[in-house]
Amino acid sequence: MATRITFDNPINSSVQLGDSMYYTQPSVFGITSQPKPCGTITQLTQNSVVVNSDITDLSAGAGYFLFAKNIAVNETSLKGYYADVKFRNNSNKKARLFSIGSEVVFSSK
């Protein structure tokens, strides 16, 4: 069963299909509980999401909604097949390059 969650405001632009969604219920004095999983986002519009689980305790006044990215898909390193790098010294003075580093992940296999 799936659950559609509709919001009054536009959803954060970095939310994508396949992200995990969590929520907390509001409680007394504004203290929220540990986030509970909603499920995986299967449909997405500007103001609503559909998650792949049946959420029965979700009220109209749910406290906070959070989302998490799949680390296997959304890594922060460079992606691609190769890199072409050119270092140039535009100064008239002698310069030394001590180290070059990179973290690269293949984008497909």
PDB file of N, CA and C in Angstrom:
ATOM      1  N   MET A   1       0.842  -1.181   0.000  1.00  0.00           N
ATOM      2  CA  MET A   1       0.000   0.000   0.000  1.00  0.00           C
ATOM      3  C   MET A   1       0.879   1.233   0.000  1.00  0.00           C
ATOM      4  N   ALA A   2       0.427   2.282  -0.628  1.00  0.00           N
ATOM      5  CA  ALA A   2       1.180   3.522  -0.707  1.00  0.00           C
ATOM      6  C   ALA A   2       0.428   4.637   0.017  1.00  0.00           C
ATOM      7  N   THR A   3       1.177   5.628   0.449  1.00  0.00           N
ATOM      8  CA  THR A   3       0.587   6.774   1.142  1.00  0.00           C
ATOM      9  C   THR A   3       1.018   8.049   0.437  1.00  0.00           C
ATOM     10  N   ARG A   4       0.053   8.920   0.129  1.00  0.00           N
ATOM     11  CA  ARG A   4       0.352  10.236  -0.446  1.00  0.00           C
ATOM     12  C   ARG A   4       0.369  11.249   0.692  1.00  0.00           C
ATOM     13  N   ILE A   5       1.424  12.053   0.728  1.00  0.00           N
ATOM     14  CA  ILE A   5       1.563  13.106   1.731  1.00  0.00           C
ATOM     15  C   ILE A   5       1.615  14.432   0.979  1.00  0.00           C
ATOM     16  N   THR A   6       0.685  15.324   1.283  1.00  0.00           N
ATOM     17  CA  THR A   6       0.595  16.621   0.612  1.00  0.00           C
ATOM     18  C   THR A   6       1.007  17.724   1.580  1.00  0.00           C
ATOM     19  N   PHE A   7       1.787  18.679   1.093  1.00  0.00           N
ATOM     20  CA  PHE A   7       2.307  19.781   1.905  1.00  0.00           C
ATOM     21  C   PHE A   7       1.710  21.102   1.430  1.00  0.00           C
ATOM     22  N   ASP A   8       1.669  22.089   2.327  1.00  0.00           N
ATOM     23  CA  ASP A   8       1.171  23.421   1.988  1.00  0.00           C
ATOM     24  C   ASP A   8       2.178  24.194   1.142  1.00  0.00           C
ATOM     25  N   ASN A   9       3.451  23.909   1.308  1.00  0.00           N
ATOM     26  CA  ASN A   9       4.523  24.629   0.608  1.00  0.00           C
ATOM     27  C   ASN A   9       5.248  23.694  -0.348  1.00  0.00           C
ATOM     28  N   PRO A  10       5.987  24.249  -1.303  1.00  0.00           N
ATOM     29  CA  PRO A  10       6.758  23.405  -2.227  1.00  0.00           C
ATOM     30  C   PRO A  10       7.797  22.568  -1.475  1.00  0.00           C
ATOM     31  N   ILE A  11       8.059  21.392  -1.986  1.00  0.00           N
ATOM     32  CA  ILE A  11       9.022  20.468  -1.392  1.00  0.00           C
ATOM     33  C   ILE A  11      10.429  20.907  -1.772  1.00  0.00           C
ATOM     34  N   ASN A  12      11.388  20.642  -0.895  1.00  0.00           N
ATOM     35  CA  ASN A  12      12.789  20.957  -1.146  1.00  0.00           C
ATOM     36  C   ASN A  12      13.208  20.414  -2.515  1.00  0.00           C
ATOM     37  N   SER A  13      13.920  21.219  -3.286  1.00  0.00           N
ATOM     38  CA  SER A  13      14.270  20.847  -4.656  1.00  0.00           C
ATOM     39  C   SER A  13      15.266  19.693  -4.737  1.00  0.00           C
ATOM     40  N   SER A  14      15.954  19.361  -3.653  1.00  0.00           N
ATOM     41  CA  SER A  14      16.918  18.266  -3.713  1.00  0.00           C
ATOM     42  C   SER A  14      16.291  16.901  -3.414  1.00  0.00           C
ATOM     43  N   VAL A  15      14.993  16.846  -3.100  1.00  0.00           N
ATOM     44  CA  VAL A  15      14.314  15.567  -2.893  1.00  0.00           C
ATOM     45  C   VAL A  15      14.167  14.862  -4.233  1.00  0.00           C
ATOM     46  N   GLN A  16      14.494  13.559  -4.282  1.00  0.00           N
ATOM     47  CA  GLN A  16      14.429  12.789  -5.516  1.00  0.00           C
ATOM     48  C   GLN A  16      13.673  11.490  -5.284  1.00  0.00           C
ATOM     49  N   LEU A  17      13.245  10.875  -6.388  1.00  0.00           N
ATOM     50  CA  LEU A  17      12.668   9.539  -6.304  1.00  0.00           C
ATOM     51  C   LEU A  17      13.718   8.596  -5.735  1.00  0.00           C
ATOM     52  N   GLY A  18      13.307   7.697  -4.853  1.00  0.00           N
ATOM     53  CA  GLY A  18      14.231   6.753  -4.250  1.00  0.00           C
ATOM     54  C   GLY A  18      14.795   7.206  -2.918  1.00  0.00           C
ATOM     55  N   ASP A  19      14.581   8.471  -2.534  1.00  0.00           N
ATOM     56  CA  ASP A  19      15.036   8.941  -1.227  1.00  0.00           C
ATOM     57  C   ASP A  19      14.182   8.308  -0.130  1.00  0.00           C
ATOM     58  N   SER A  20      14.759   8.112   1.029  1.00  0.00           N
ATOM     59  CA  SER A  20      14.015   7.613   2.184  1.00  0.00           C
ATOM     60  C   SER A  20      13.407   8.800   2.913  1.00  0.00           C
ATOM     61  N   MET A  21      12.166   8.643   3.392  1.00  0.00           N
ATOM     62  CA  MET A  21      11.483   9.734   4.073  1.00  0.00           C
ATOM     63  C   MET A  21      11.155   9.325   5.504  1.00  0.00           C
ATOM     64  N   TYR A  22      11.277  10.277   6.431  1.00  0.00           N
ATOM     65  CA  TYR A  22      11.014  10.054   7.848  1.00  0.00           C
ATOM     66  C   TYR A  22      10.119  11.178   8.364  1.00  0.00           C
ATOM     67  N   TYR A  23       9.456  10.925   9.497  1.00  0.00           N
ATOM     68  CA  TYR A  23       8.628  11.960  10.114  1.00  0.00           C
ATOM     69  C   TYR A  23       8.627  11.816  11.628  1.00  0.00           C
ATOM     70  N   THR A  24       8.278  12.907  12.306  1.00  0.00           N
ATOM     71  CA  THR A  24       8.087  12.877  13.753  1.00  0.00           C
ATOM     72  C   THR A  24       6.735  13.501  14.055  1.00  0.00           C
ATOM     73  N   GLN A  25       6.083  13.006  15.064  1.00  0.00           N
ATOM     74  CA  GLN A  25       4.806  13.564  15.502  1.00  0.00           C
ATOM     75  C   GLN A  25       5.075  14.682  16.505  1.00  0.00           C
ATOM     76  N   PRO A  26       4.272  15.756  16.475  1.00  0.00           N
ATOM     77  CA  PRO A  26       4.452  16.808  17.483  1.00  0.00           C
ATOM     78  C   PRO A  26       4.049  16.280  18.852  1.00  0.00           C
ATOM     79  N   SER A  27       4.696  16.806  19.863  1.00  0.00           N
ATOM     80  CA  SER A  27       4.355  16.391  21.211  1.00  0.00           C
ATOM     81  C   SER A  27       4.296  17.614  22.118  1.00  0.00           C
ATOM     82  N   VAL A  28       4.073  17.392  23.383  1.00  0.00           N
ATOM     83  CA  VAL A  28       3.925  18.472  24.346  1.00  0.00           C
ATOM     84  C   VAL A  28       5.207  19.294  24.438  1.00  0.00           C
ATOM     85  N   PHE A  29       5.072  20.597  24.545  1.00  0.00           N
ATOM     86  CA  PHE A  29       6.184  21.538  24.696  1.00  0.00           C
ATOM     87  C   PHE A  29       7.124  21.559  23.499  1.00  0.00           C
ATOM     88  N   GLY A  30       6.678  21.116  22.321  1.00  0.00           N
ATOM     89  CA  GLY A  30       7.473  21.182  21.109  1.00  0.00           C
ATOM     90  C   GLY A  30       8.576  20.155  21.009  1.00  0.00           C
ATOM     91  N   ILE A  31       8.640  19.224  21.937  1.00  0.00           N
ATOM     92  CA  ILE A  31       9.666  18.188  21.893  1.00  0.00           C
ATOM     93  C   ILE A  31       9.176  17.083  20.962  1.00  0.00           C
ATOM     94  N   THR A  32       9.994  16.717  20.023  1.00  0.00           N
ATOM     95  CA  THR A  32       9.588  15.691  19.060  1.00  0.00           C
ATOM     96  C   THR A  32      10.211  14.354  19.419  1.00  0.00           C
ATOM     97  N   SER A  33       9.627  13.313  18.913  1.00  0.00           N
ATOM     98  CA  SER A  33      10.115  11.960  19.164  1.00  0.00           C
ATOM     99  C   SER A  33      11.172  11.575  18.131  1.00  0.00           C
ATOM    100  N   GLN A  34      11.718  10.398  18.289  1.00  0.00           N
ATOM    101  CA  GLN A  34      12.673   9.856  17.319  1.00  0.00           C
ATOM    102  C   GLN A  34      11.996   9.748  15.952  1.00  0.00           C
ATOM    103  N   PRO A  35      12.646  10.159  14.859  1.00  0.00           N
ATOM    104  CA  PRO A  35      12.013  10.062  13.534  1.00  0.00           C
ATOM    105  C   PRO A  35      11.622   8.627  13.192  1.00  0.00           C
ATOM    106  N   LYS A  36      10.439   8.473  12.622  1.00  0.00           N
ATOM    107  CA  LYS A  36       9.943   7.165  12.185  1.00  0.00           C
ATOM    108  C   LYS A  36      10.026   7.105  10.664  1.00  0.00           C
ATOM    109  N   PRO A  37      10.361   5.953  10.097  1.00  0.00           N
ATOM    110  CA  PRO A  37      10.432   5.870   8.634  1.00  0.00           C
ATOM    111  C   PRO A  37       9.053   5.905   7.994  1.00  0.00           C
ATOM    112  N   CYS A  38       8.931   6.700   6.923  1.00  0.00           N
ATOM    113  CA  CYS A  38       7.708   6.730   6.112  1.00  0.00           C
ATOM    114  C   CYS A  38       7.810   5.694   4.997  1.00  0.00           C
ATOM    115  N   GLY A  39       9.003   5.522   4.467  1.00  0.00           N
ATOM    116  CA  GLY A  39       9.218   4.626   3.339  1.00  0.00           C
ATOM    117  C   GLY A  39      10.073   5.298   2.290  1.00  0.00           C
ATOM    118  N   THR A  40      10.095   4.713   1.120  1.00  0.00           N
ATOM    119  CA  THR A  40      10.864   5.236  -0.006  1.00  0.00           C
ATOM    120  C   THR A  40       9.938   6.041  -0.911  1.00  0.00           C
ATOM    121  N   ILE A  41      10.424   7.180  -1.384  1.00  0.00           N
ATOM    122  CA  ILE A  41       9.620   8.044  -2.246  1.00  0.00           C
ATOM    123  C   ILE A  41       9.512   7.413  -3.634  1.00  0.00           C
ATOM    124  N   THR A  42       8.262   7.148  -4.063  1.00  0.00           N
ATOM    125  CA  THR A  42       8.030   6.516  -5.358  1.00  0.00           C
ATOM    126  C   THR A  42       7.427   7.475  -6.381  1.00  0.00           C
ATOM    127  N   GLN A  43       6.767   8.534  -5.919  1.00  0.00           N
ATOM    128  CA  GLN A  43       6.222   9.570  -6.798  1.00  0.00           C
ATOM    129  C   GLN A  43       6.475  10.909  -6.148  1.00  0.00           C
ATOM    130  N   LEU A  44       6.639  11.930  -6.979  1.00  0.00           N
ATOM    131  CA  LEU A  44       7.002  13.242  -6.464  1.00  0.00           C
ATOM    132  C   LEU A  44       6.387  14.333  -7.331  1.00  0.00           C
ATOM    133  N   THR A  45       5.682  15.274  -6.701  1.00  0.00           N
ATOM    134  CA  THR A  45       5.202  16.471  -7.384  1.00  0.00           C
ATOM    135  C   THR A  45       5.739  17.672  -6.622  1.00  0.00           C
ATOM    136  N   GLN A  46       5.346  18.855  -7.006  1.00  0.00           N
ATOM    137  CA  GLN A  46       5.854  20.059  -6.350  1.00  0.00           C
ATOM    138  C   GLN A  46       5.435  20.128  -4.881  1.00  0.00           C
ATOM    139  N   ASN A  47       4.216  19.663  -4.558  1.00  0.00           N
ATOM    140  CA  ASN A  47       3.702  19.780  -3.193  1.00  0.00           C
ATOM    141  C   ASN A  47       3.344  18.450  -2.540  1.00  0.00           C
ATOM    142  N   SER A  48       3.665  17.316  -3.161  1.00  0.00           N
ATOM    143  CA  SER A  48       3.305  16.040  -2.544  1.00  0.00           C
ATOM    144  C   SER A  48       4.306  14.951  -2.901  1.00  0.00           C
ATOM    145  N   VAL A  49       4.327  13.930  -2.039  1.00  0.00           N
ATOM    146  CA  VAL A  49       5.140  12.745  -2.284  1.00  0.00           C
ATOM    147  C   VAL A  49       4.273  11.522  -2.043  1.00  0.00           C
ATOM    148  N   VAL A  50       4.623  10.427  -2.694  1.00  0.00           N
ATOM    149  CA  VAL A  50       3.996   9.138  -2.431  1.00  0.00           C
ATOM    150  C   VAL A  50       5.109   8.221  -1.954  1.00  0.00           C
ATOM    151  N   VAL A  51       4.885   7.602  -0.778  1.00  0.00           N
ATOM    152  CA  VAL A  51       5.859   6.658  -0.239  1.00  0.00           C
ATOM    153  C   VAL A  51       5.294   5.247  -0.335  1.00  0.00           C
ATOM    154  N   ASN A  52       6.168   4.268  -0.376  1.00  0.00           N
ATOM    155  CA  ASN A  52       5.766   2.887  -0.638  1.00  0.00           C
ATOM    156  C   ASN A  52       5.341   2.119   0.613  1.00  0.00           C
ATOM    157  N   SER A  53       4.765   2.795   1.583  1.00  0.00           N
ATOM    158  CA  SER A  53       4.270   2.101   2.777  1.00  0.00           C
ATOM    159  C   SER A  53       2.968   2.736   3.242  1.00  0.00           C
ATOM    160  N   ASP A  54       2.226   2.005   4.047  1.00  0.00           N
ATOM    161  CA  ASP A  54       0.953   2.475   4.578  1.00  0.00           C
ATOM    162  C   ASP A  54       1.215   3.069   5.951  1.00  0.00           C
ATOM    163  N   ILE A  55       1.044   4.366   6.077  1.00  0.00           N
ATOM    164  CA  ILE A  55       1.294   5.050   7.346  1.00  0.00           C
ATOM    165  C   ILE A  55      -0.054   5.312   8.010  1.00  0.00           C
ATOM    166  N   THR A  56      -0.289   4.680   9.151  1.00  0.00           N
ATOM    167  CA  THR A  56      -1.597   4.788   9.798  1.00  0.00           C
ATOM    168  C   THR A  56      -1.635   5.850  10.883  1.00  0.00           C
ATOM    169  N   ASP A  57      -0.492   6.185  11.495  1.00  0.00           N
ATOM    170  CA  ASP A  57      -0.508   7.144  12.602  1.00  0.00           C
ATOM    171  C   ASP A  57      -0.123   8.555  12.188  1.00  0.00           C
ATOM    172  N   LEU A  58      -0.160   8.851  10.909  1.00  0.00           N
ATOM    173  CA  LEU A  58       0.199  10.171  10.413  1.00  0.00           C
ATOM    174  C   LEU A  58      -1.012  11.087  10.509  1.00  0.00           C
ATOM    175  N   SER A  59      -0.904  12.127  11.301  1.00  0.00           N
ATOM    176  CA  SER A  59      -2.010  13.069  11.455  1.00  0.00           C
ATOM    177  C   SER A  59      -1.763  14.296  10.593  1.00  0.00           C
ATOM    178  N   ALA A  60      -2.788  15.133  10.482  1.00  0.00           N
ATOM    179  CA  ALA A  60      -2.669  16.344   9.673  1.00  0.00           C
ATOM    180  C   ALA A  60      -1.635  17.293  10.265  1.00  0.00           C
ATOM    181  N   GLY A  61      -1.341  17.172  11.537  1.00  0.00           N
ATOM    182  CA  GLY A  61      -0.382  18.059  12.182  1.00  0.00           C
ATOM    183  C   GLY A  61       0.946  17.405  12.464  1.00  0.00           C
ATOM    184  N   ALA A  62       1.414  16.537  11.583  1.00  0.00           N
ATOM    185  CA  ALA A  62       2.702  15.879  11.804  1.00  0.00           C
ATOM    186  C   ALA A  62       3.775  16.940  11.974  1.00  0.00           C
ATOM    187  N   GLY A  63       4.709  16.686  12.888  1.00  0.00           N
ATOM    188  CA  GLY A  63       5.721  17.669  13.237  1.00  0.00           C
ATOM    189  C   GLY A  63       6.690  17.996  12.123  1.00  0.00           C
ATOM    190  N   TYR A  64       7.602  17.091  11.836  1.00  0.00           N
ATOM    191  CA  TYR A  64       8.650  17.344  10.858  1.00  0.00           C
ATOM    192  C   TYR A  64       8.763  16.180   9.892  1.00  0.00           C
ATOM    193  N   PHE A  65       9.091  16.512   8.651  1.00  0.00           N
ATOM    194  CA  PHE A  65       9.386  15.487   7.653  1.00  0.00           C
ATOM    195  C   PHE A  65      10.836  15.665   7.250  1.00  0.00           C
ATOM    196  N   LEU A  66      11.547  14.557   7.145  1.00  0.00           N
ATOM    197  CA  LEU A  66      12.948  14.575   6.765  1.00  0.00           C
ATOM    198  C   LEU A  66      13.153  13.587   5.630  1.00  0.00           C
ATOM    199  N   PHE A  67      14.205  13.753   4.862  1.00  0.00           N
ATOM    200  CA  PHE A  67      14.529  12.783   3.823  1.00  0.00           C
ATOM    201  C   PHE A  67      16.020  12.501   3.840  1.00  0.00           C
ATOM    202  N   ALA A  68      16.379  11.320   3.387  1.00  0.00           N
ATOM    203  CA  ALA A  68      17.781  10.908   3.350  1.00  0.00           C
ATOM    204  C   ALA A  68      18.092  10.348   1.972  1.00  0.00           C
ATOM    205  N   LYS A  69      19.256  10.674   1.477  1.00  0.00           N
ATOM    206  CA  LYS A  69      19.709  10.202   0.175  1.00  0.00           C
ATOM    207  C   LYS A  69      20.311   8.809   0.273  1.00  0.00           C
ATOM    208  N   ASN A  70      20.214   8.049  -0.804  1.00  0.00           N
ATOM    209  CA  ASN A  70      20.863   6.750  -0.902  1.00  0.00           C
ATOM    210  C   ASN A  70      22.336   6.995  -1.198  1.00  0.00           C
ATOM    211  N   ILE A  71      23.208   6.620  -0.291  1.00  0.00           N
ATOM    212  CA  ILE A  71      24.639   6.906  -0.438  1.00  0.00           C
ATOM    213  C   ILE A  71      25.261   6.196  -1.634  1.00  0.00           C
ATOM    214  N   ALA A  72      24.703   5.075  -2.032  1.00  0.00           N
ATOM    215  CA  ALA A  72      25.258   4.350  -3.182  1.00  0.00           C
ATOM    216  C   ALA A  72      25.025   5.112  -4.480  1.00  0.00           C
ATOM    217  N   VAL A  73      23.995   5.940  -4.529  1.00  0.00           N
ATOM    218  CA  VAL A  73      23.665   6.673  -5.741  1.00  0.00           C
ATOM    219  C   VAL A  73      24.189   8.099  -5.695  1.00  0.00           C
ATOM    220  N   ASN A  74      24.078   8.752  -4.563  1.00  0.00           N
ATOM    221  CA  ASN A  74      24.421  10.167  -4.436  1.00  0.00           C
ATOM    222  C   ASN A  74      25.725  10.360  -3.679  1.00  0.00           C
ATOM    223  N   GLU A  75      26.827  10.066  -4.315  1.00  0.00           N
ATOM    224  CA  GLU A  75      28.128  10.278  -3.707  1.00  0.00           C
ATOM    225  C   GLU A  75      28.610  11.676  -4.063  1.00  0.00           C
ATOM    226  N   THR A  76      29.570  12.174  -3.297  1.00  0.00           N
ATOM    227  CA  THR A  76      30.030  13.538  -3.498  1.00  0.00           C
ATOM    228  C   THR A  76      31.293  13.640  -4.342  1.00  0.00           C
ATOM    229  N   SER A  77      31.836  12.537  -4.787  1.00  0.00           N
ATOM    230  CA  SER A  77      33.083  12.595  -5.544  1.00  0.00           C
ATOM    231  C   SER A  77      32.810  12.792  -7.042  1.00  0.00           C
ATOM    232  N   LEU A  78      33.884  13.021  -7.782  1.00  0.00           N
ATOM    233  CA  LEU A  78      33.777  13.178  -9.229  1.00  0.00           C
ATOM    234  C   LEU A  78      33.329  11.888  -9.876  1.00  0.00           C
ATOM    235  N   LYS A  79      32.572  12.009 -10.963  1.00  0.00           N
ATOM    236  CA  LYS A  79      32.121  10.814 -11.669  1.00  0.00           C
ATOM    237  C   LYS A  79      32.488  10.932 -13.139  1.00  0.00           C
ATOM    238  N   GLY A  80      32.804   9.809 -13.754  1.00  0.00           N
ATOM    239  CA  GLY A  80      33.121   9.837 -15.170  1.00  0.00           C
ATOM    240  C   GLY A  80      34.097   8.742 -15.538  1.00  0.00           C
ATOM    241  N   TYR A  81      34.562   8.790 -16.776  1.00  0.00           N
ATOM    242  CA  TYR A  81      35.477   7.777 -17.286  1.00  0.00           C
ATOM    243  C   TYR A  81      36.935   8.220 -17.219  1.00  0.00           C
ATOM    244  N   TYR A  82      37.190   9.493 -17.375  1.00  0.00           N
ATOM    245  CA  TYR A  82      38.564   9.976 -17.357  1.00  0.00           C
ATOM    246  C   TYR A  82      38.567  11.439 -16.928  1.00  0.00           C
ATOM    247  N   ALA A  83      39.743  11.940 -16.626  1.00  0.00           N
ATOM    248  CA  ALA A  83      39.906  13.348 -16.266  1.00  0.00           C
ATOM    249  C   ALA A  83      41.063  13.913 -17.062  1.00  0.00           C
ATOM    250  N   ASP A  84      40.915  15.114 -17.511  1.00  0.00           N
ATOM    251  CA  ASP A  84      41.959  15.821 -18.244  1.00  0.00           C
ATOM    252  C   ASP A  84      42.269  17.082 -17.450  1.00  0.00           C
ATOM    253  N   VAL A  85      43.477  17.165 -16.907  1.00  0.00           N
ATOM    254  CA  VAL A  85      43.844  18.268 -16.021  1.00  0.00           C
ATOM    255  C   VAL A  85      45.091  18.939 -16.569  1.00  0.00           C
ATOM    256  N   LYS A  86      45.085  20.265 -16.536  1.00  0.00           N
ATOM    257  CA  LYS A  86      46.252  21.026 -16.982  1.00  0.00           C
ATOM    258  C   LYS A  86      46.626  22.009 -15.876  1.00  0.00           C
ATOM    259  N   PHE A  87      47.901  21.968 -15.448  1.00  0.00           N
ATOM    260  CA  PHE A  87      48.409  22.902 -14.452  1.00  0.00           C
ATOM    261  C   PHE A  87      49.312  23.896 -15.166  1.00  0.00           C
ATOM    262  N   ARG A  88      49.119  25.156 -14.878  1.00  0.00           N
ATOM    263  CA  ARG A  88      49.885  26.189 -15.560  1.00  0.00           C
ATOM    264  C   ARG A  88      50.383  27.201 -14.531  1.00  0.00           C
ATOM    265  N   ASN A  89      51.628  27.575 -14.625  1.00  0.00           N
ATOM    266  CA  ASN A  89      52.211  28.604 -13.769  1.00  0.00           C
ATOM    267  C   ASN A  89      52.355  29.868 -14.602  1.00  0.00           C
ATOM    268  N   ASN A  90      51.548  30.867 -14.313  1.00  0.00           N
ATOM    269  CA  ASN A  90      51.585  32.122 -15.066  1.00  0.00           C
ATOM    270  C   ASN A  90      52.524  33.146 -14.441  1.00  0.00           C
ATOM    271  N   SER A  91      53.248  32.729 -13.445  1.00  0.00           N
ATOM    272  CA  SER A  91      54.175  33.622 -12.770  1.00  0.00           C
ATOM    273  C   SER A  91      55.570  33.486 -13.373  1.00  0.00           C
ATOM    274  N   ASN A  92      56.401  34.515 -13.226  1.00  0.00           N
ATOM    275  CA  ASN A  92      57.795  34.465 -13.664  1.00  0.00           C
ATOM    276  C   ASN A  92      58.689  33.828 -12.605  1.00  0.00           C
ATOM    277  N   LYS A  93      58.126  33.573 -11.435  1.00  0.00           N
ATOM    278  CA  LYS A  93      58.902  33.010 -10.335  1.00  0.00           C
ATOM    279  C   LYS A  93      58.793  31.483 -10.341  1.00  0.00           C
ATOM    280  N   LYS A  94      59.823  30.858  -9.796  1.00  0.00           N
ATOM    281  CA  LYS A  94      59.849  29.404  -9.694  1.00  0.00           C
ATOM    282  C   LYS A  94      58.750  28.940  -8.732  1.00  0.00           C
ATOM    283  N   ALA A  95      58.060  27.881  -9.098  1.00  0.00           N
ATOM    284  CA  ALA A  95      57.004  27.318  -8.246  1.00  0.00           C
ATOM    285  C   ALA A  95      57.185  25.813  -8.166  1.00  0.00           C
ATOM    286  N   ARG A  96      56.800  25.224  -7.035  1.00  0.00           N
ATOM    287  CA  ARG A  96      56.883  23.783  -6.849  1.00  0.00           C
ATOM    288  C   ARG A  96      55.497  23.235  -6.546  1.00  0.00           C
ATOM    289  N   LEU A  97      55.224  22.112  -7.124  1.00  0.00           N
ATOM    290  CA  LEU A  97      53.968  21.405  -6.869  1.00  0.00           C
ATOM    291  C   LEU A  97      54.310  20.167  -6.044  1.00  0.00           C
ATOM    292  N   PHE A  98      53.816  20.120  -4.818  1.00  0.00           N
ATOM    293  CA  PHE A  98      54.185  19.036  -3.909  1.00  0.00           C
ATOM    294  C   PHE A  98      53.222  17.864  -3.946  1.00  0.00           C
ATOM    295  N   SER A  99      51.965  18.111  -4.246  1.00  0.00           N
ATOM    296  CA  SER A  99      51.015  17.008  -4.193  1.00  0.00           C
ATOM    297  C   SER A  99      49.803  17.323  -5.051  1.00  0.00           C
ATOM    298  N   ILE A 100      49.252  16.266  -5.647  1.00  0.00           N
ATOM    299  CA  ILE A 100      48.003  16.349  -6.382  1.00  0.00           C
ATOM    300  C   ILE A 100      47.158  15.168  -5.920  1.00  0.00           C
ATOM    301  N   GLY A 101      45.902  15.419  -5.583  1.00  0.00           N
ATOM    302  CA  GLY A 101      45.036  14.335  -5.115  1.00  0.00           C
ATOM    303  C   GLY A 101      43.675  14.437  -5.754  1.00  0.00           C
ATOM    304  N   SER A 102      43.019  13.308  -5.835  1.00  0.00           N
ATOM    305  CA  SER A 102      41.675  13.264  -6.419  1.00  0.00           C
ATOM    306  C   SER A 102      40.936  12.044  -5.913  1.00  0.00           C
ATOM    307  N   GLU A 103      39.639  12.167  -5.842  1.00  0.00           N
ATOM    308  CA  GLU A 103      38.783  11.041  -5.515  1.00  0.00           C
ATOM    309  C   GLU A 103      37.795  10.909  -6.660  1.00  0.00           C
ATOM    310  N   VAL A 104      37.887   9.822  -7.397  1.00  0.00           N
ATOM    311  CA  VAL A 104      37.066   9.636  -8.582  1.00  0.00           C
ATOM    312  C   VAL A 104      36.294   8.326  -8.457  1.00  0.00           C
ATOM    313  N   VAL A 105      35.031   8.352  -8.861  1.00  0.00           N
ATOM    314  CA  VAL A 105      34.172   7.161  -8.853  1.00  0.00           C
ATOM    315  C   VAL A 105      33.686   6.935 -10.276  1.00  0.00           C
ATOM    316  N   PHE A 106      33.790   5.728 -10.778  1.00  0.00           N
ATOM    317  CA  PHE A 106      33.284   5.419 -12.107  1.00  0.00           C
ATOM    318  C   PHE A 106      31.779   5.634 -12.139  1.00  0.00           C
ATOM    319  N   SER A 107      31.271   6.277 -13.197  1.00  0.00           N
ATOM    320  CA  SER A 107      29.836   6.556 -13.260  1.00  0.00           C
ATOM    321  C   SER A 107      29.034   5.372 -13.794  1.00  0.00           C
ATOM    322  N   SER A 108      29.697   4.419 -14.445  1.00  0.00           N
ATOM    323  CA  SER A 108      29.011   3.212 -14.888  1.00  0.00           C
ATOM    324  C   SER A 108      30.021   2.089 -15.038  1.00  0.00           C
ATOM    325  N   LYS A 109      29.536   0.876 -14.957  1.00  0.00           N
ATOM    326  CA  LYS A 109      30.438  -0.280 -15.096  1.00  0.00           C
ATOM    327  C   LYS A 109      29.825  -1.264 -16.043  1.00  0.00           C
TER     328      LYS A 109
END
